[in-house]
Amino acid sequence: MELTSLGRAYIAGASSDRRQELLAHFQQVRKAQWDELGTEMLKAVDEVARHDFCVASWQPEVVAVATPLSFEGADYALNMSMTTVDPAAAVVRRLTPLLLLLKQHIVRALEARDE
């Protein structure tokens, strides 16, 4: 969870209390990596706050973008990942509009089923 865009988007979309609980957990279990990992996780939270998505590329030639989705008090996350040698920025430009459009469609469909 702490390494992937999906997990980081989930953490970013969680309530402040839940987010702090998760960050404290990962700080405990990832002590040796926490300085770098904590910075990356907080960057993802900031990316979601500013742009509604975050990016992670923790495996060679894999780039993933993710966005949180909350509905009826439950937190979820959506992501799109691809294997590529392209620069991460190019993948972000390609995938992010599609991901955010998918999120809009899902939210609309969920809201419509309750009407």
PDB file of N, CA and C in Angstrom:
ATOM      1  N   MET A   1       0.819  -1.189   0.000  1.00  0.00           N
ATOM      2  CA  MET A   1       0.000   0.000   0.000  1.00  0.00           C
ATOM      3  C   MET A   1       0.870   1.264   0.000  1.00  0.00           C
ATOM      4  N   GLU A   2       1.903   1.265   0.803  1.00  0.00           N
ATOM      5  CA  GLU A   2       2.731   2.454   0.946  1.00  0.00           C
ATOM      6  C   GLU A   2       3.614   2.727  -0.266  1.00  0.00           C
ATOM      7  N   LEU A   3       3.766   1.749  -1.149  1.00  0.00           N
ATOM      8  CA  LEU A   3       4.631   1.906  -2.321  1.00  0.00           C
ATOM      9  C   LEU A   3       3.872   2.239  -3.595  1.00  0.00           C
ATOM     10  N   THR A   4       2.604   1.860  -3.668  1.00  0.00           N
ATOM     11  CA  THR A   4       1.866   1.958  -4.922  1.00  0.00           C
ATOM     12  C   THR A   4       1.041   3.238  -5.021  1.00  0.00           C
ATOM     13  N   SER A   5       0.753   3.637  -6.244  1.00  0.00           N
ATOM     14  CA  SER A   5      -0.117   4.796  -6.440  1.00  0.00           C
ATOM     15  C   SER A   5      -1.507   4.503  -5.892  1.00  0.00           C
ATOM     16  N   LEU A   6      -1.967   3.285  -6.050  1.00  0.00           N
ATOM     17  CA  LEU A   6      -3.286   2.893  -5.559  1.00  0.00           C
ATOM     18  C   LEU A   6      -3.365   3.055  -4.051  1.00  0.00           C
ATOM     19  N   GLY A   7      -2.387   2.525  -3.351  1.00  0.00           N
ATOM     20  CA  GLY A   7      -2.357   2.641  -1.895  1.00  0.00           C
ATOM     21  C   GLY A   7      -2.204   4.078  -1.440  1.00  0.00           C
ATOM     22  N   ARG A   8      -1.353   4.804  -2.110  1.00  0.00           N
ATOM     23  CA  ARG A   8      -1.131   6.203  -1.732  1.00  0.00           C
ATOM     24  C   ARG A   8      -2.359   7.056  -1.993  1.00  0.00           C
ATOM     25  N   ALA A   9      -3.082   6.787  -3.082  1.00  0.00           N
ATOM     26  CA  ALA A   9      -4.326   7.518  -3.339  1.00  0.00           C
ATOM     27  C   ALA A   9      -5.360   7.195  -2.270  1.00  0.00           C
ATOM     28  N   TYR A  10      -5.420   5.929  -1.873  1.00  0.00           N
ATOM     29  CA  TYR A  10      -6.340   5.543  -0.800  1.00  0.00           C
ATOM     30  C   TYR A  10      -5.990   6.306   0.479  1.00  0.00           C
ATOM     31  N   ILE A  11      -4.723   6.336   0.835  1.00  0.00           N
ATOM     32  CA  ILE A  11      -4.275   7.050   2.036  1.00  0.00           C
ATOM     33  C   ILE A  11      -4.621   8.535   1.930  1.00  0.00           C
ATOM     34  N   ALA A  12      -4.385   9.119   0.766  1.00  0.00           N
ATOM     35  CA  ALA A  12      -4.672  10.545   0.572  1.00  0.00           C
ATOM     36  C   ALA A  12      -6.157  10.848   0.697  1.00  0.00           C
ATOM     37  N   GLY A  13      -7.001   9.922   0.264  1.00  0.00           N
ATOM     38  CA  GLY A  13      -8.442  10.147   0.309  1.00  0.00           C
ATOM     39  C   GLY A  13      -9.089   9.800   1.632  1.00  0.00           C
ATOM     40  N   ALA A  14      -8.341   9.146   2.500  1.00  0.00           N
ATOM     41  CA  ALA A  14      -8.884   8.742   3.803  1.00  0.00           C
ATOM     42  C   ALA A  14      -9.046   9.951   4.718  1.00  0.00           C
ATOM     43  N   SER A  15      -9.847   9.783   5.743  1.00  0.00           N
ATOM     44  CA  SER A  15      -9.997  10.862   6.729  1.00  0.00           C
ATOM     45  C   SER A  15      -8.643  11.165   7.351  1.00  0.00           C
ATOM     46  N   SER A  16      -8.514  12.337   7.894  1.00  0.00           N
ATOM     47  CA  SER A  16      -7.246  12.744   8.514  1.00  0.00           C
ATOM     48  C   SER A  16      -6.816  11.769   9.606  1.00  0.00           C
ATOM     49  N   ASP A  17      -7.758  11.340  10.437  1.00  0.00           N
ATOM     50  CA  ASP A  17      -7.422  10.389  11.503  1.00  0.00           C
ATOM     51  C   ASP A  17      -6.943   9.062  10.934  1.00  0.00           C
ATOM     52  N   ARG A  18      -7.643   8.549   9.944  1.00  0.00           N
ATOM     53  CA  ARG A  18      -7.251   7.280   9.337  1.00  0.00           C
ATOM     54  C   ARG A  18      -5.897   7.413   8.643  1.00  0.00           C
ATOM     55  N   ARG A  19      -5.692   8.538   7.956  1.00  0.00           N
ATOM     56  CA  ARG A  19      -4.416   8.778   7.283  1.00  0.00           C
ATOM     57  C   ARG A  19      -3.264   8.770   8.291  1.00  0.00           C
ATOM     58  N   GLN A  20      -3.452   9.468   9.407  1.00  0.00           N
ATOM     59  CA  GLN A  20      -2.400   9.508  10.424  1.00  0.00           C
ATOM     60  C   GLN A  20      -2.130   8.120  10.997  1.00  0.00           C
ATOM     61  N   GLU A  21      -3.186   7.352  11.181  1.00  0.00           N
ATOM     62  CA  GLU A  21      -3.046   5.975  11.671  1.00  0.00           C
ATOM     63  C   GLU A  21      -2.222   5.133  10.697  1.00  0.00           C
ATOM     64  N   LEU A  22      -2.531   5.248   9.415  1.00  0.00           N
ATOM     65  CA  LEU A  22      -1.798   4.491   8.402  1.00  0.00           C
ATOM     66  C   LEU A  22      -0.346   4.940   8.308  1.00  0.00           C
ATOM     67  N   LEU A  23      -0.124   6.245   8.313  1.00  0.00           N
ATOM     68  CA  LEU A  23       1.250   6.749   8.242  1.00  0.00           C
ATOM     69  C   LEU A  23       2.064   6.287   9.447  1.00  0.00           C
ATOM     70  N   ALA A  24       1.461   6.311  10.613  1.00  0.00           N
ATOM     71  CA  ALA A  24       2.159   5.842  11.823  1.00  0.00           C
ATOM     72  C   ALA A  24       2.489   4.357  11.700  1.00  0.00           C
ATOM     73  N   HIS A  25       1.571   3.587  11.156  1.00  0.00           N
ATOM     74  CA  HIS A  25       1.822   2.156  10.960  1.00  0.00           C
ATOM     75  C   HIS A  25       3.013   1.937  10.031  1.00  0.00           C
ATOM     76  N   PHE A  26       3.012   2.618   8.900  1.00  0.00           N
ATOM     77  CA  PHE A  26       4.101   2.425   7.945  1.00  0.00           C
ATOM     78  C   PHE A  26       5.429   2.958   8.480  1.00  0.00           C
ATOM     79  N   GLN A  27       5.365   4.006   9.266  1.00  0.00           N
ATOM     80  CA  GLN A  27       6.591   4.509   9.892  1.00  0.00           C
ATOM     81  C   GLN A  27       7.184   3.452  10.820  1.00  0.00           C
ATOM     82  N   GLN A  28       6.320   2.731  11.508  1.00  0.00           N
ATOM     83  CA  GLN A  28       6.758   1.679  12.432  1.00  0.00           C
ATOM     84  C   GLN A  28       7.335   0.479  11.695  1.00  0.00           C
ATOM     85  N   VAL A  29       6.664   0.035  10.646  1.00  0.00           N
ATOM     86  CA  VAL A  29       7.101  -1.184   9.960  1.00  0.00           C
ATOM     87  C   VAL A  29       8.177  -0.935   8.907  1.00  0.00           C
ATOM     88  N   ARG A  30       8.377   0.294   8.522  1.00  0.00           N
ATOM     89  CA  ARG A  30       9.375   0.644   7.495  1.00  0.00           C
ATOM     90  C   ARG A  30      10.408   1.626   8.051  1.00  0.00           C
ATOM     91  N   LYS A  31      10.830   1.404   9.273  1.00  0.00           N
ATOM     92  CA  LYS A  31      11.724   2.342   9.957  1.00  0.00           C
ATOM     93  C   LYS A  31      12.941   2.717   9.125  1.00  0.00           C
ATOM     94  N   ALA A  32      13.612   1.743   8.555  1.00  0.00           N
ATOM     95  CA  ALA A  32      14.850   2.005   7.819  1.00  0.00           C
ATOM     96  C   ALA A  32      14.604   2.844   6.560  1.00  0.00           C
ATOM     97  N   GLN A  33      13.437   2.715   5.953  1.00  0.00           N
ATOM     98  CA  GLN A  33      13.128   3.450   4.723  1.00  0.00           C
ATOM     99  C   GLN A  33      12.254   4.669   4.960  1.00  0.00           C
ATOM    100  N   TRP A  34      11.898   4.948   6.211  1.00  0.00           N
ATOM    101  CA  TRP A  34      10.850   5.927   6.474  1.00  0.00           C
ATOM    102  C   TRP A  34      11.171   7.325   5.974  1.00  0.00           C
ATOM    103  N   ASP A  35      12.399   7.773   6.089  1.00  0.00           N
ATOM    104  CA  ASP A  35      12.696   9.143   5.654  1.00  0.00           C
ATOM    105  C   ASP A  35      12.283   9.357   4.198  1.00  0.00           C
ATOM    106  N   GLU A  36      12.712   8.476   3.328  1.00  0.00           N
ATOM    107  CA  GLU A  36      12.370   8.605   1.916  1.00  0.00           C
ATOM    108  C   GLU A  36      10.912   8.240   1.661  1.00  0.00           C
ATOM    109  N   LEU A  37      10.464   7.156   2.241  1.00  0.00           N
ATOM    110  CA  LEU A  37       9.101   6.684   2.017  1.00  0.00           C
ATOM    111  C   LEU A  37       8.067   7.675   2.556  1.00  0.00           C
ATOM    112  N   GLY A  38       8.297   8.189   3.749  1.00  0.00           N
ATOM    113  CA  GLY A  38       7.379   9.168   4.325  1.00  0.00           C
ATOM    114  C   GLY A  38       7.267  10.408   3.457  1.00  0.00           C
ATOM    115  N   THR A  39       8.400  10.860   2.937  1.00  0.00           N
ATOM    116  CA  THR A  39       8.397  12.024   2.047  1.00  0.00           C
ATOM    117  C   THR A  39       7.593  11.734   0.787  1.00  0.00           C
ATOM    118  N   GLU A  40       7.790  10.548   0.213  1.00  0.00           N
ATOM    119  CA  GLU A  40       7.049  10.174  -0.996  1.00  0.00           C
ATOM    120  C   GLU A  40       5.547  10.077  -0.726  1.00  0.00           C
ATOM    121  N   MET A  41       5.180   9.528   0.420  1.00  0.00           N
ATOM    122  CA  MET A  41       3.763   9.383   0.747  1.00  0.00           C
ATOM    123  C   MET A  41       3.114  10.749   0.959  1.00  0.00           C
ATOM    124  N   LEU A  42       3.797  11.637   1.644  1.00  0.00           N
ATOM    125  CA  LEU A  42       3.245  12.981   1.856  1.00  0.00           C
ATOM    126  C   LEU A  42       3.171  13.754   0.542  1.00  0.00           C
ATOM    127  N   LYS A  43       4.128  13.514  -0.348  1.00  0.00           N
ATOM    128  CA  LYS A  43       4.066  14.123  -1.684  1.00  0.00           C
ATOM    129  C   LYS A  43       2.815  13.645  -2.412  1.00  0.00           C
ATOM    130  N   ALA A  44       2.503  12.357  -2.299  1.00  0.00           N
ATOM    131  CA  ALA A  44       1.305  11.812  -2.943  1.00  0.00           C
ATOM    132  C   ALA A  44       0.035  12.447  -2.369  1.00  0.00           C
ATOM    133  N   VAL A  45      -0.002  12.630  -1.055  1.00  0.00           N
ATOM    134  CA  VAL A  45      -1.154  13.283  -0.420  1.00  0.00           C
ATOM    135  C   VAL A  45      -1.304  14.697  -0.977  1.00  0.00           C
ATOM    136  N   ASP A  46      -0.194  15.400  -1.130  1.00  0.00           N
ATOM    137  CA  ASP A  46      -0.218  16.758  -1.681  1.00  0.00           C
ATOM    138  C   ASP A  46      -0.661  16.737  -3.149  1.00  0.00           C
ATOM    139  N   GLU A  47      -0.156  15.790  -3.932  1.00  0.00           N
ATOM    140  CA  GLU A  47      -0.564  15.672  -5.338  1.00  0.00           C
ATOM    141  C   GLU A  47      -2.067  15.470  -5.452  1.00  0.00           C
ATOM    142  N   VAL A  48      -2.609  14.608  -4.608  1.00  0.00           N
ATOM    143  CA  VAL A  48      -4.055  14.358  -4.645  1.00  0.00           C
ATOM    144  C   VAL A  48      -4.818  15.620  -4.256  1.00  0.00           C
ATOM    145  N   ALA A  49      -4.345  16.321  -3.236  1.00  0.00           N
ATOM    146  CA  ALA A  49      -5.020  17.552  -2.813  1.00  0.00           C
ATOM    147  C   ALA A  49      -5.008  18.606  -3.926  1.00  0.00           C
ATOM    148  N   ARG A  50      -3.918  18.682  -4.659  1.00  0.00           N
ATOM    149  CA  ARG A  50      -3.791  19.702  -5.707  1.00  0.00           C
ATOM    150  C   ARG A  50      -4.377  19.273  -7.051  1.00  0.00           C
ATOM    151  N   HIS A  51      -4.229  17.976  -7.397  1.00  0.00           N
ATOM    152  CA  HIS A  51      -4.572  17.545  -8.756  1.00  0.00           C
ATOM    153  C   HIS A  51      -5.568  16.392  -8.830  1.00  0.00           C
ATOM    154  N   ASP A  52      -5.945  15.827  -7.702  1.00  0.00           N
ATOM    155  CA  ASP A  52      -6.878  14.698  -7.610  1.00  0.00           C
ATOM    156  C   ASP A  52      -6.278  13.381  -8.105  1.00  0.00           C
ATOM    157  N   PHE A  53      -4.957  13.303  -8.193  1.00  0.00           N
ATOM    158  CA  PHE A  53      -4.299  12.048  -8.527  1.00  0.00           C
ATOM    159  C   PHE A  53      -2.875  12.070  -8.004  1.00  0.00           C
ATOM    160  N   CYS A  54      -2.285  10.903  -7.915  1.00  0.00           N
ATOM    161  CA  CYS A  54      -0.870  10.792  -7.573  1.00  0.00           C
ATOM    162  C   CYS A  54      -0.216   9.772  -8.498  1.00  0.00           C
ATOM    163  N   VAL A  55       1.107   9.780  -8.492  1.00  0.00           N
ATOM    164  CA  VAL A  55       1.888   8.944  -9.398  1.00  0.00           C
ATOM    165  C   VAL A  55       2.872   8.131  -8.578  1.00  0.00           C
ATOM    166  N   ALA A  56       3.101   6.907  -8.994  1.00  0.00           N
ATOM    167  CA  ALA A  56       4.166   6.094  -8.393  1.00  0.00           C
ATOM    168  C   ALA A  56       4.803   5.253  -9.488  1.00  0.00           C
ATOM    169  N   SER A  57       6.088   5.056  -9.338  1.00  0.00           N
ATOM    170  CA  SER A  57       6.830   4.208 -10.269  1.00  0.00           C
ATOM    171  C   SER A  57       7.868   3.469  -9.449  1.00  0.00           C
ATOM    172  N   TRP A  58       7.413   2.501  -8.704  1.00  0.00           N
ATOM    173  CA  TRP A  58       8.297   1.809  -7.766  1.00  0.00           C
ATOM    174  C   TRP A  58       8.871   0.522  -8.313  1.00  0.00           C
ATOM    175  N   GLN A  59       8.439   0.138  -9.508  1.00  0.00           N
ATOM    176  CA  GLN A  59       8.995  -1.022 -10.197  1.00  0.00           C
ATOM    177  C   GLN A  59       9.615  -0.519 -11.505  1.00  0.00           C
ATOM    178  N   PRO A  60      10.717  -1.102 -11.938  1.00  0.00           N
ATOM    179  CA  PRO A  60      11.305  -0.665 -13.211  1.00  0.00           C
ATOM    180  C   PRO A  60      10.300  -0.773 -14.352  1.00  0.00           C
ATOM    181  N   GLU A  61      10.224   0.283 -15.136  1.00  0.00           N
ATOM    182  CA  GLU A  61       9.389   0.349 -16.328  1.00  0.00           C
ATOM    183  C   GLU A  61       7.895   0.201 -16.067  1.00  0.00           C
ATOM    184  N   VAL A  62       7.468   0.505 -14.837  1.00  0.00           N
ATOM    185  CA  VAL A  62       6.037   0.528 -14.522  1.00  0.00           C
ATOM    186  C   VAL A  62       5.710   1.908 -13.966  1.00  0.00           C
ATOM    187  N   VAL A  63       4.710   2.540 -14.547  1.00  0.00           N
ATOM    188  CA  VAL A  63       4.241   3.842 -14.076  1.00  0.00           C
ATOM    189  C   VAL A  63       2.751   3.705 -13.789  1.00  0.00           C
ATOM    190  N   ALA A  64       2.330   4.239 -12.645  1.00  0.00           N
ATOM    191  CA  ALA A  64       0.925   4.126 -12.252  1.00  0.00           C
ATOM    192  C   ALA A  64       0.419   5.472 -11.750  1.00  0.00           C
ATOM    193  N   VAL A  65      -0.792   5.799 -12.130  1.00  0.00           N
ATOM    194  CA  VAL A  65      -1.485   6.975 -11.607  1.00  0.00           C
ATOM    195  C   VAL A  65      -2.732   6.473 -10.891  1.00  0.00           C
ATOM    196  N   ALA A  66      -3.113   7.175  -9.824  1.00  0.00           N
ATOM    197  CA  ALA A  66      -4.276   6.751  -9.047  1.00  0.00           C
ATOM    198  C   ALA A  66      -5.006   7.956  -8.489  1.00  0.00           C
ATOM    199  N   THR A  67      -6.272   7.734  -8.172  1.00  0.00           N
ATOM    200  CA  THR A  67      -7.109   8.782  -7.596  1.00  0.00           C
ATOM    201  C   THR A  67      -8.018   8.164  -6.533  1.00  0.00           C
ATOM    202  N   PRO A  68      -8.255   8.892  -5.443  1.00  0.00           N
ATOM    203  CA  PRO A  68      -9.182   8.362  -4.440  1.00  0.00           C
ATOM    204  C   PRO A  68     -10.627   8.532  -4.899  1.00  0.00           C
ATOM    205  N   LEU A  69     -11.476   7.696  -4.363  1.00  0.00           N
ATOM    206  CA  LEU A  69     -12.902   7.785  -4.630  1.00  0.00           C
ATOM    207  C   LEU A  69     -13.605   7.421  -3.330  1.00  0.00           C
ATOM    208  N   SER A  70     -14.404   8.325  -2.834  1.00  0.00           N
ATOM    209  CA  SER A  70     -15.184   8.059  -1.623  1.00  0.00           C
ATOM    210  C   SER A  70     -16.654   8.049  -1.991  1.00  0.00           C
ATOM    211  N   PHE A  71     -17.372   7.112  -1.414  1.00  0.00           N
ATOM    212  CA  PHE A  71     -18.806   7.027  -1.677  1.00  0.00           C
ATOM    213  C   PHE A  71     -19.484   6.403  -0.475  1.00  0.00           C
ATOM    214  N   GLU A  72     -20.519   7.081   0.002  1.00  0.00           N
ATOM    215  CA  GLU A  72     -21.316   6.613   1.140  1.00  0.00           C
ATOM    216  C   GLU A  72     -20.452   6.200   2.326  1.00  0.00           C
ATOM    217  N   GLY A  73     -19.451   7.034   2.610  1.00  0.00           N
ATOM    218  CA  GLY A  73     -18.617   6.817   3.778  1.00  0.00           C
ATOM    219  C   GLY A  73     -17.514   5.789   3.627  1.00  0.00           C
ATOM    220  N   ALA A  74     -17.397   5.189   2.451  1.00  0.00           N
ATOM    221  CA  ALA A  74     -16.335   4.204   2.214  1.00  0.00           C
ATOM    222  C   ALA A  74     -15.281   4.816   1.291  1.00  0.00           C
ATOM    223  N   ASP A  75     -14.041   4.480   1.559  1.00  0.00           N
ATOM    224  CA  ASP A  75     -12.931   4.978   0.749  1.00  0.00           C
ATOM    225  C   ASP A  75     -12.454   3.899  -0.206  1.00  0.00           C
ATOM    226  N   TYR A  76     -12.238   4.314  -1.446  1.00  0.00           N
ATOM    227  CA  TYR A  76     -11.734   3.431  -2.491  1.00  0.00           C
ATOM    228  C   TYR A  76     -10.629   4.171  -3.221  1.00  0.00           C
ATOM    229  N   ALA A  77      -9.989   3.505  -4.154  1.00  0.00           N
ATOM    230  CA  ALA A  77      -9.025   4.157  -5.032  1.00  0.00           C
ATOM    231  C   ALA A  77      -9.069   3.459  -6.384  1.00  0.00           C
ATOM    232  N   LEU A  78      -8.839   4.238  -7.413  1.00  0.00           N
ATOM    233  CA  LEU A  78      -8.781   3.723  -8.781  1.00  0.00           C
ATOM    234  C   LEU A  78      -7.388   3.983  -9.317  1.00  0.00           C
ATOM    235  N   ASN A  79      -6.888   3.083 -10.133  1.00  0.00           N
ATOM    236  CA  ASN A  79      -5.607   3.379 -10.759  1.00  0.00           C
ATOM    237  C   ASN A  79      -5.537   2.843 -12.171  1.00  0.00           C
ATOM    238  N   MET A  80      -4.588   3.385 -12.896  1.00  0.00           N
ATOM    239  CA  MET A  80      -4.225   2.888 -14.219  1.00  0.00           C
ATOM    240  C   MET A  80      -2.706   2.770 -14.201  1.00  0.00           C
ATOM    241  N   SER A  81      -2.232   1.626 -14.644  1.00  0.00           N
ATOM    242  CA  SER A  81      -0.802   1.354 -14.665  1.00  0.00           C
ATOM    243  C   SER A  81      -0.409   0.852 -16.035  1.00  0.00           C
ATOM    244  N   MET A  82       0.839   1.087 -16.371  1.00  0.00           N
ATOM    245  CA  MET A  82       1.333   0.517 -17.619  1.00  0.00           C
ATOM    246  C   MET A  82       2.817   0.251 -17.534  1.00  0.00           C
ATOM    247  N   THR A  83       3.232  -0.744 -18.264  1.00  0.00           N
ATOM    248  CA  THR A  83       4.643  -1.043 -18.418  1.00  0.00           C
ATOM    249  C   THR A  83       5.134  -0.275 -19.632  1.00  0.00           C
ATOM    250  N   THR A  84       6.220   0.471 -19.443  1.00  0.00           N
ATOM    251  CA  THR A  84       6.708   1.320 -20.520  1.00  0.00           C
ATOM    252  C   THR A  84       8.138   1.757 -20.244  1.00  0.00           C
ATOM    253  N   VAL A  85       8.824   2.126 -21.291  1.00  0.00           N
ATOM    254  CA  VAL A  85      10.133   2.759 -21.130  1.00  0.00           C
ATOM    255  C   VAL A  85      10.007   4.268 -21.305  1.00  0.00           C
ATOM    256  N   ASP A  86       8.789   4.730 -21.578  1.00  0.00           N
ATOM    257  CA  ASP A  86       8.545   6.168 -21.722  1.00  0.00           C
ATOM    258  C   ASP A  86       8.765   6.870 -20.385  1.00  0.00           C
ATOM    259  N   PRO A  87       9.111   8.141 -20.419  1.00  0.00           N
ATOM    260  CA  PRO A  87       9.249   8.900 -19.175  1.00  0.00           C
ATOM    261  C   PRO A  87       7.914   8.954 -18.424  1.00  0.00           C
ATOM    262  N   ALA A  88       7.997   8.967 -17.103  1.00  0.00           N
ATOM    263  CA  ALA A  88       6.791   8.991 -16.265  1.00  0.00           C
ATOM    264  C   ALA A  88       5.888  10.161 -16.631  1.00  0.00           C
ATOM    265  N   ALA A  89       6.473  11.318 -16.912  1.00  0.00           N
ATOM    266  CA  ALA A  89       5.656  12.501 -17.234  1.00  0.00           C
ATOM    267  C   ALA A  89       4.785  12.260 -18.469  1.00  0.00           C
ATOM    268  N   ALA A  90       5.312  11.552 -19.457  1.00  0.00           N
ATOM    269  CA  ALA A  90       4.529  11.259 -20.662  1.00  0.00           C
ATOM    270  C   ALA A  90       3.373  10.315 -20.335  1.00  0.00           C
ATOM    271  N   VAL A  91       3.626   9.353 -19.483  1.00  0.00           N
ATOM    272  CA  VAL A  91       2.578   8.415 -19.076  1.00  0.00           C
ATOM    273  C   VAL A  91       1.496   9.149 -18.292  1.00  0.00           C
ATOM    274  N   VAL A  92       1.912  10.033 -17.408  1.00  0.00           N
ATOM    275  CA  VAL A  92       0.959  10.815 -16.619  1.00  0.00           C
ATOM    276  C   VAL A  92       0.064  11.636 -17.549  1.00  0.00           C
ATOM    277  N   ARG A  93       0.654  12.288 -18.530  1.00  0.00           N
ATOM    278  CA  ARG A  93      -0.146  13.080 -19.477  1.00  0.00           C
ATOM    279  C   ARG A  93      -1.128  12.202 -20.251  1.00  0.00           C
ATOM    280  N   ARG A  94      -0.732  10.978 -20.543  1.00  0.00           N
ATOM    281  CA  ARG A  94      -1.575  10.071 -21.321  1.00  0.00           C
ATOM    282  C   ARG A  94      -2.696   9.457 -20.472  1.00  0.00           C
ATOM    283  N   LEU A  95      -2.353   9.007 -19.276  1.00  0.00           N
ATOM    284  CA  LEU A  95      -3.317   8.241 -18.478  1.00  0.00           C
ATOM    285  C   LEU A  95      -4.221   9.078 -17.573  1.00  0.00           C
ATOM    286  N   THR A  96      -3.715  10.162 -17.053  1.00  0.00           N
ATOM    287  CA  THR A  96      -4.472  10.907 -16.052  1.00  0.00           C
ATOM    288  C   THR A  96      -5.832  11.398 -16.548  1.00  0.00           C
ATOM    289  N   PRO A  97      -5.939  11.988 -17.723  1.00  0.00           N
ATOM    290  CA  PRO A  97      -7.279  12.405 -18.165  1.00  0.00           C
ATOM    291  C   PRO A  97      -8.254  11.236 -18.249  1.00  0.00           C
ATOM    292  N   LEU A  98      -7.772  10.086 -18.684  1.00  0.00           N
ATOM    293  CA  LEU A  98      -8.638   8.903 -18.775  1.00  0.00           C
ATOM    294  C   LEU A  98      -9.057   8.420 -17.389  1.00  0.00           C
ATOM    295  N   LEU A  99      -8.114   8.407 -16.469  1.00  0.00           N
ATOM    296  CA  LEU A  99      -8.409   7.978 -15.099  1.00  0.00           C
ATOM    297  C   LEU A  99      -9.443   8.887 -14.448  1.00  0.00           C
ATOM    298  N   LEU A 100      -9.263  10.190 -14.574  1.00  0.00           N
ATOM    299  CA  LEU A 100     -10.196  11.120 -13.937  1.00  0.00           C
ATOM    300  C   LEU A 100     -11.569  11.084 -14.603  1.00  0.00           C
ATOM    301  N   LEU A 101     -11.602  10.829 -15.902  1.00  0.00           N
ATOM    302  CA  LEU A 101     -12.881  10.661 -16.592  1.00  0.00           C
ATOM    303  C   LEU A 101     -13.578   9.386 -16.107  1.00  0.00           C
ATOM    304  N   LEU A 102     -12.833   8.313 -15.960  1.00  0.00           N
ATOM    305  CA  LEU A 102     -13.393   7.073 -15.416  1.00  0.00           C
ATOM    306  C   LEU A 102     -13.972   7.312 -14.025  1.00  0.00           C
ATOM    307  N   LYS A 103     -13.257   8.041 -13.206  1.00  0.00           N
ATOM    308  CA  LYS A 103     -13.750   8.354 -11.861  1.00  0.00           C
ATOM    309  C   LYS A 103     -15.076   9.106 -11.941  1.00  0.00           C
ATOM    310  N   GLN A 104     -15.158  10.101 -12.816  1.00  0.00           N
ATOM    311  CA  GLN A 104     -16.408  10.858 -12.968  1.00  0.00           C
ATOM    312  C   GLN A 104     -17.559   9.937 -13.358  1.00  0.00           C
ATOM    313  N   HIS A 105     -17.316   9.053 -14.295  1.00  0.00           N
ATOM    314  CA  HIS A 105     -18.363   8.130 -14.739  1.00  0.00           C
ATOM    315  C   HIS A 105     -18.809   7.208 -13.607  1.00  0.00           C
ATOM    316  N   ILE A 106     -17.865   6.716 -12.846  1.00  0.00           N
ATOM    317  CA  ILE A 106     -18.202   5.828 -11.725  1.00  0.00           C
ATOM    318  C   ILE A 106     -19.009   6.580 -10.674  1.00  0.00           C
ATOM    319  N   VAL A 107     -18.568   7.769 -10.314  1.00  0.00           N
ATOM    320  CA  VAL A 107     -19.288   8.554  -9.309  1.00  0.00           C
ATOM    321  C   VAL A 107     -20.699   8.857  -9.787  1.00  0.00           C
ATOM    322  N   ARG A 108     -20.846   9.262 -11.038  1.00  0.00           N
ATOM    323  CA  ARG A 108     -22.184   9.554 -11.580  1.00  0.00           C
ATOM    324  C   ARG A 108     -23.068   8.302 -11.552  1.00  0.00           C
ATOM    325  N   ALA A 109     -22.505   7.175 -11.932  1.00  0.00           N
ATOM    326  CA  ALA A 109     -23.283   5.927 -11.942  1.00  0.00           C
ATOM    327  C   ALA A 109     -23.701   5.537 -10.522  1.00  0.00           C
ATOM    328  N   LEU A 110     -22.809   5.699  -9.558  1.00  0.00           N
ATOM    329  CA  LEU A 110     -23.147   5.386  -8.180  1.00  0.00           C
ATOM    330  C   LEU A 110     -24.229   6.324  -7.648  1.00  0.00           C
ATOM    331  N   GLU A 111     -24.102   7.603  -7.964  1.00  0.00           N
ATOM    332  CA  GLU A 111     -25.102   8.574  -7.513  1.00  0.00           C
ATOM    333  C   GLU A 111     -26.444   8.320  -8.197  1.00  0.00           C
ATOM    334  N   ALA A 112     -26.432   7.954  -9.455  1.00  0.00           N
ATOM    335  CA  ALA A 112     -27.678   7.717 -10.197  1.00  0.00           C
ATOM    336  C   ALA A 112     -28.426   6.491  -9.682  1.00  0.00           C
ATOM    337  N   ARG A 113     -27.702   5.499  -9.213  1.00  0.00           N
ATOM    338  CA  ARG A 113     -28.389   4.299  -8.722  1.00  0.00           C
ATOM    339  C   ARG A 113     -29.166   4.590  -7.449  1.00  0.00           C
ATOM    340  N   ASP A 114     -28.804   5.665  -6.746  1.00  0.00           N
ATOM    341  CA  ASP A 114     -29.492   6.026  -5.511  1.00  0.00           C
ATOM    342  C   ASP A 114     -30.683   6.943  -5.751  1.00  0.00           C
ATOM    343  N   GLU A 115     -30.908   7.353  -6.985  1.00  0.00           N
ATOM    344  CA  GLU A 115     -32.022   8.275  -7.268  1.00  0.00           C
ATOM    345  C   GLU A 115     -33.318   7.539  -7.397  1.00  0.00           C
TER     346      GLU A 115
END
